[in-house]
Protein backbone atom coordinates (compact mmCIF):
# COMPACT_ATOMS: atom_id res chain seq x y z
CA MET A 1 0.24 -0.25 0.01
CA ILE A 2 1.00 3.47 -0.95
CA ASP A 3 1.27 6.16 1.61
CA ALA A 4 1.60 8.84 -0.18
CA THR A 5 0.53 12.49 -0.90
CA PRO A 6 -1.48 12.30 -4.35
CA THR A 7 0.99 14.10 -6.97
CA ARG A 8 -1.60 16.02 -9.71
CA ALA A 9 -4.59 17.67 -8.74
CA ALA A 10 -7.58 16.93 -10.88
CA THR A 11 -8.86 19.26 -13.58
CA PRO A 12 -12.17 20.63 -11.78
CA THR A 13 -15.38 19.51 -12.91
CA GLY A 14 -17.41 21.75 -10.82
CA CYS A 15 -20.61 20.53 -8.95
CA LEU A 16 -23.17 21.47 -11.04
CA GLY A 17 -21.29 19.58 -14.12
CA CYS A 18 -20.68 16.48 -12.04
CA PRO A 19 -22.89 13.22 -13.22
CA GLY A 20 -23.15 11.73 -9.75
CA ARG A 21 -24.81 14.85 -8.02
CA GLU A 22 -28.38 14.21 -9.10
CA ILE A 23 -28.11 10.67 -7.60
CA SER A 24 -26.15 11.78 -4.28
CA GLU A 25 -27.15 13.07 -1.29
CA TRP A 26 -26.25 16.50 -2.61
CA CYS A 27 -29.04 16.61 -4.85
CA ALA A 28 -30.94 17.99 -1.52
CA LEU A 29 -29.20 21.18 -2.24
CA ALA A 30 -30.97 24.42 -3.85
CA ARG A 31 -29.33 25.75 -6.87
CA ASP A 32 -27.99 28.76 -4.48
CA ASP A 33 -26.56 26.40 -2.02
CA VAL A 34 -24.02 25.08 -4.99
CA PRO A 35 -21.61 28.07 -4.53
CA THR A 36 -21.07 27.09 -0.61
CA LEU A 37 -20.45 23.75 -1.77
CA GLU A 38 -18.02 24.79 -4.39
CA GLN A 39 -16.36 26.93 -2.24
CA GLY A 40 -15.35 24.49 0.34
CA ARG A 41 -14.81 21.75 -2.46
CA SER A 42 -10.97 20.80 -3.24
CA GLU A 43 -10.84 17.53 -6.21
CA ARG A 44 -7.54 15.56 -6.61
CA VAL A 45 -6.94 12.38 -8.36
CA TYR A 46 -5.45 9.45 -6.48
CA ARG A 47 -3.38 6.60 -8.23
CA PRO A 48 -4.02 3.05 -7.41
CA GLY A 49 -2.70 2.58 -4.26
CA GLU A 50 -2.31 5.71 -2.87
CA VAL A 51 -4.30 6.84 0.53
CA ILE A 52 -6.90 9.43 0.92
CA PHE A 53 -6.88 9.26 4.62
CA HIS A 54 -5.76 7.21 7.34
CA GLN A 55 -7.26 5.15 9.94
CA GLY A 56 -6.79 7.21 13.31
CA SER A 57 -6.09 10.78 11.36
CA PRO A 58 -8.85 13.51 12.04
CA CYS A 59 -12.03 13.95 9.84
CA PHE A 60 -11.84 17.59 7.81
CA GLY A 61 -14.84 17.12 6.23
CA VAL A 62 -16.78 14.63 3.76
CA HIS A 63 -15.23 12.98 0.69
CA CYS A 64 -17.06 12.15 -2.27
CA VAL A 65 -16.07 9.71 -5.03
CA ALA A 66 -16.46 11.18 -8.43
CA SER A 67 -14.77 8.15 -10.61
CA GLY A 68 -13.01 5.13 -9.46
CA THR A 69 -13.38 2.57 -6.72
CA VAL A 70 -12.02 3.02 -3.18
CA ALA A 71 -11.27 0.51 -0.59
CA LEU A 72 -11.76 1.09 3.03
CA ARG A 73 -9.01 -0.87 5.06
CA ARG A 74 -8.87 -1.37 8.77
CA VAL A 75 -5.93 -2.62 10.65
CA ASP A 76 -6.84 -5.28 13.35
CA ALA A 77 -5.08 -5.83 16.84
CA GLU A 78 -2.59 -8.10 14.99
CA GLY A 79 -1.51 -5.52 12.39
CA ARG A 80 -3.40 -7.01 9.53
CA SER A 81 -5.10 -4.72 7.09
CA VAL A 82 -8.28 -6.08 5.56
CA ILE A 83 -10.79 -4.48 3.01
CA THR A 84 -13.86 -3.80 5.07
CA ARG A 85 -16.10 -1.88 2.25
CA LEU A 86 -15.98 -0.72 -1.39
CA VAL A 87 -16.90 2.77 -2.23
CA HIS A 88 -18.09 3.44 -5.52
CA PRO A 89 -18.34 6.35 -7.97
CA HIS A 90 -20.96 8.87 -6.58
CA GLU A 91 -20.89 7.70 -3.16
CA ALA A 92 -19.34 9.67 -0.13
CA LEU A 93 -16.86 8.88 2.41
CA GLY A 94 -16.23 9.79 6.01
CA VAL A 95 -19.82 10.45 6.71
CA ARG A 96 -20.16 8.16 9.82
CA THR A 97 -17.07 10.02 11.33
CA PHE A 98 -18.00 13.75 10.33
CA PHE A 99 -21.47 13.19 12.18
CA ALA A 100 -19.99 10.97 15.40
CA GLY A 101 -16.58 13.09 15.60
CA GLY A 102 -13.22 11.35 16.49
CA THR A 103 -10.92 9.77 13.95
CA TYR A 104 -11.29 7.82 11.14
CA SER A 105 -11.81 3.93 12.07
CA SER A 106 -10.36 3.21 8.49
CA THR A 107 -8.10 4.08 5.85
CA ALA A 108 -9.37 4.89 2.36
CA GLU A 109 -6.90 3.85 -0.32
CA ALA A 110 -7.45 4.07 -4.02
CA LEU A 111 -7.98 0.79 -5.89
CA THR A 112 -8.25 1.96 -9.24
CA GLU A 113 -7.48 5.94 -10.47
CA ALA A 114 -9.99 7.94 -8.90
CA ARG A 115 -11.07 11.25 -8.92
CA VAL A 116 -12.17 12.49 -5.30
CA CYS A 117 -13.24 15.52 -3.62
CA LEU A 118 -13.21 17.04 -0.49
CA ILE A 119 -16.07 19.16 1.18
CA GLU A 120 -14.33 20.64 4.14
CA ARG A 121 -16.11 20.54 7.28
CA PRO A 122 -17.33 24.39 7.73
CA ALA A 123 -19.13 23.87 4.32
CA VAL A 124 -20.49 20.69 5.01
CA LYS A 125 -22.16 22.44 8.51
CA ALA A 126 -23.15 25.38 6.71
CA LEU A 127 -25.07 22.91 4.18
CA LEU A 128 -26.45 20.94 6.50
CA ALA A 129 -27.94 23.90 8.87
CA ARG A 130 -29.58 25.30 5.84
CA SER A 131 -30.88 22.14 4.34
CA PRO A 132 -32.56 19.78 6.37
CA ASP A 133 -33.02 17.50 3.40
CA LEU A 134 -29.27 17.21 3.05
CA ALA A 135 -29.08 16.19 6.72
CA LEU A 136 -32.13 13.44 6.16
CA ARG A 137 -30.52 12.14 3.07
CA PHE A 138 -27.23 11.73 4.87
CA LEU A 139 -29.07 9.91 8.03
CA ARG A 140 -30.79 7.63 5.55
CA ARG A 141 -27.57 6.88 4.05
CA LEU A 142 -25.90 5.93 7.55
CA ALA A 143 -29.30 3.83 8.32
CA GLN A 144 -28.62 2.13 5.06
CA ASP A 145 -24.97 1.39 5.55
CA LEU A 146 -25.95 -0.48 9.32
CA ARG A 147 -28.76 -2.39 7.42
CA GLN A 148 -26.08 -3.46 5.04
CA ALA A 149 -23.38 -4.22 7.30
CA ASP A 150 -26.13 -6.45 9.26
CA ASP A 151 -27.09 -8.36 5.95
CA GLU A 152 -23.17 -8.79 5.32
CA LYS A 153 -22.92 -10.54 8.81
CA LEU A 154 -25.97 -12.85 8.28
CA GLU A 155 -24.41 -13.85 4.82
CA GLN A 156 -21.15 -15.00 6.68
CA ALA A 157 -22.79 -16.56 9.07
CA THR A 158 -25.14 -18.61 6.87
CA LEU A 159 -24.44 -18.37 2.96
CA PRO A 160 -21.67 -20.72 1.51
CA VAL A 161 -18.34 -19.67 0.21
CA ARG A 162 -19.48 -19.90 -3.56
CA ALA A 163 -22.66 -18.30 -2.93
CA ARG A 164 -21.00 -15.43 -1.54
CA LEU A 165 -18.44 -15.20 -4.14
CA ALA A 166 -21.16 -15.44 -6.69
CA ARG A 167 -22.80 -12.20 -4.91
CA LEU A 168 -19.90 -10.30 -5.16
CA LEU A 169 -19.15 -10.86 -8.83
CA LEU A 170 -22.74 -10.11 -9.54
CA SER A 171 -22.24 -6.49 -7.62
CA LEU A 172 -19.06 -5.99 -9.38
CA LEU A 173 -20.60 -7.06 -12.58
CA GLU A 174 -23.63 -4.33 -11.97
CA ARG A 175 -20.89 -1.49 -11.98
CA TYR A 176 -18.11 -2.84 -13.93
CA GLY A 177 -19.14 -5.32 -16.47
CA ARG A 178 -19.17 -5.25 -19.94
CA GLU A 179 -20.50 -7.52 -23.02
CA ALA A 180 -18.33 -9.97 -24.04
CA GLY A 181 -19.29 -12.54 -26.63
CA GLY A 182 -23.05 -13.33 -25.56
CA GLY A 183 -22.27 -13.01 -21.87
CA PHE A 184 -20.09 -10.35 -19.77
CA ALA A 185 -16.54 -9.68 -18.48
CA LEU A 186 -14.82 -7.73 -16.18
CA ASP A 187 -11.54 -7.02 -14.56
CA LEU A 188 -11.71 -7.58 -11.25
CA PRO A 189 -10.47 -4.23 -9.11
CA LEU A 190 -8.93 -6.10 -6.12
CA ALA A 191 -6.66 -8.85 -5.21
CA ARG A 192 -8.22 -12.40 -4.29
CA GLN A 193 -6.75 -11.46 -0.80
CA ASP A 194 -8.84 -8.63 -0.41
CA MET A 195 -12.04 -10.51 -1.86
CA ALA A 196 -11.27 -13.02 0.79
CA ALA A 197 -11.34 -10.19 3.05
CA LEU A 198 -14.83 -8.80 2.10
CA LEU A 199 -16.19 -12.40 1.97
CA GLY A 200 -15.07 -13.05 5.32
CA VAL A 201 -13.08 -16.08 4.76
CA ARG A 202 -9.23 -17.49 3.89
CA PRO A 203 -7.83 -16.85 0.66
CA GLU A 204 -7.80 -20.39 -0.09
CA SER A 205 -11.29 -20.46 0.68
CA VAL A 206 -11.64 -18.21 -2.22
CA ALA A 207 -9.60 -20.35 -4.17
CA ARG A 208 -11.47 -23.34 -3.86
CA ALA A 209 -15.03 -21.47 -4.86
CA VAL A 210 -13.19 -20.01 -7.86
CA ARG A 211 -12.42 -23.56 -9.50
CA ALA A 212 -15.85 -24.83 -8.32
CA LEU A 213 -17.23 -22.01 -10.85
CA VAL A 214 -14.72 -22.72 -13.44
CA ASP A 215 -15.21 -26.54 -12.99
CA ASP A 216 -19.27 -25.81 -13.58
CA GLY A 217 -18.61 -23.32 -16.55
CA VAL A 218 -20.38 -20.73 -14.31
CA ALA A 219 -17.31 -18.38 -14.87
CA ARG A 220 -13.73 -18.11 -16.16
CA PHE A 221 -11.02 -16.51 -14.59
CA ASP A 222 -7.39 -15.37 -16.09
CA GLY A 223 -5.62 -13.32 -13.26
CA ARG A 224 -8.08 -10.57 -12.61
CA ALA A 225 -10.25 -10.85 -15.93
CA VAL A 226 -13.11 -12.73 -15.52
CA VAL A 227 -15.82 -14.01 -17.76
CA VAL A 228 -19.19 -14.84 -17.43
CA PRO A 229 -20.86 -16.30 -19.84
CA SER A 230 -24.51 -16.44 -18.13
CA VAL A 231 -25.71 -14.12 -15.76
CA ASP A 232 -28.62 -16.23 -15.06
CA ARG A 233 -26.28 -19.14 -14.22
CA LEU A 234 -24.42 -16.95 -11.67
CA LEU A 235 -27.86 -15.85 -10.00
CA GLU A 236 -28.70 -19.26 -9.83
CA GLU A 237 -25.86 -19.48 -7.08
CA LEU A 238 -28.09 -17.54 -4.81
CA PRO A 239 -30.47 -19.32 -2.37
CA PRO A 240 -33.89 -18.40 -2.92
CA GLY A 241 -34.76 -14.96 -1.95
CA ALA A 242 -31.27 -14.16 -1.37
């Protein structure tokens, strides 16, 4: 993992021109509030492996992922670093720490080249004071994150590794997949070890699940390149109602 300050600033796109504004929490803002958002915003492009903020560092505002994929990593008591969550374009980073106070509980690391904006704390506080709808949307996001965390704990306790891997592949296909020969393909944005951490298993368990999917013709793996001939076959890996 590279611990470095980004070497290049992004070419500013502006909040009004951001394609994710209308589907993010910031869509609650009135047009008159956008200048406050812009004045408190800085924007950078991070290379793969560069750190956006560190576990244990103070929170200076709310980050927004404009493009790319960001991983949240947490170091446990034994010094092991594992990915606990992936953050995708148009999603916010550090919201829980912003509202709860204190320091970040995870390190945010760019998995791919990522364009990330920071809305500084004074601007966020001013916008929250003027827009109750913005505050409500962030609270709703926090509630959804908690529900997702509960669902993931349940899956880790009940679903076999193969089904959990299939669900992760479906989620990644939805965001990064492209049509390929009647099926779909994607380039995995994370290593097998990190996939294992997300699934709550050891890397060798992921390797066995990958081999099983390959042997049954559900998917083909070549390094980080994955081909899924039929999404329906992949969906069949999930139990009914999952």
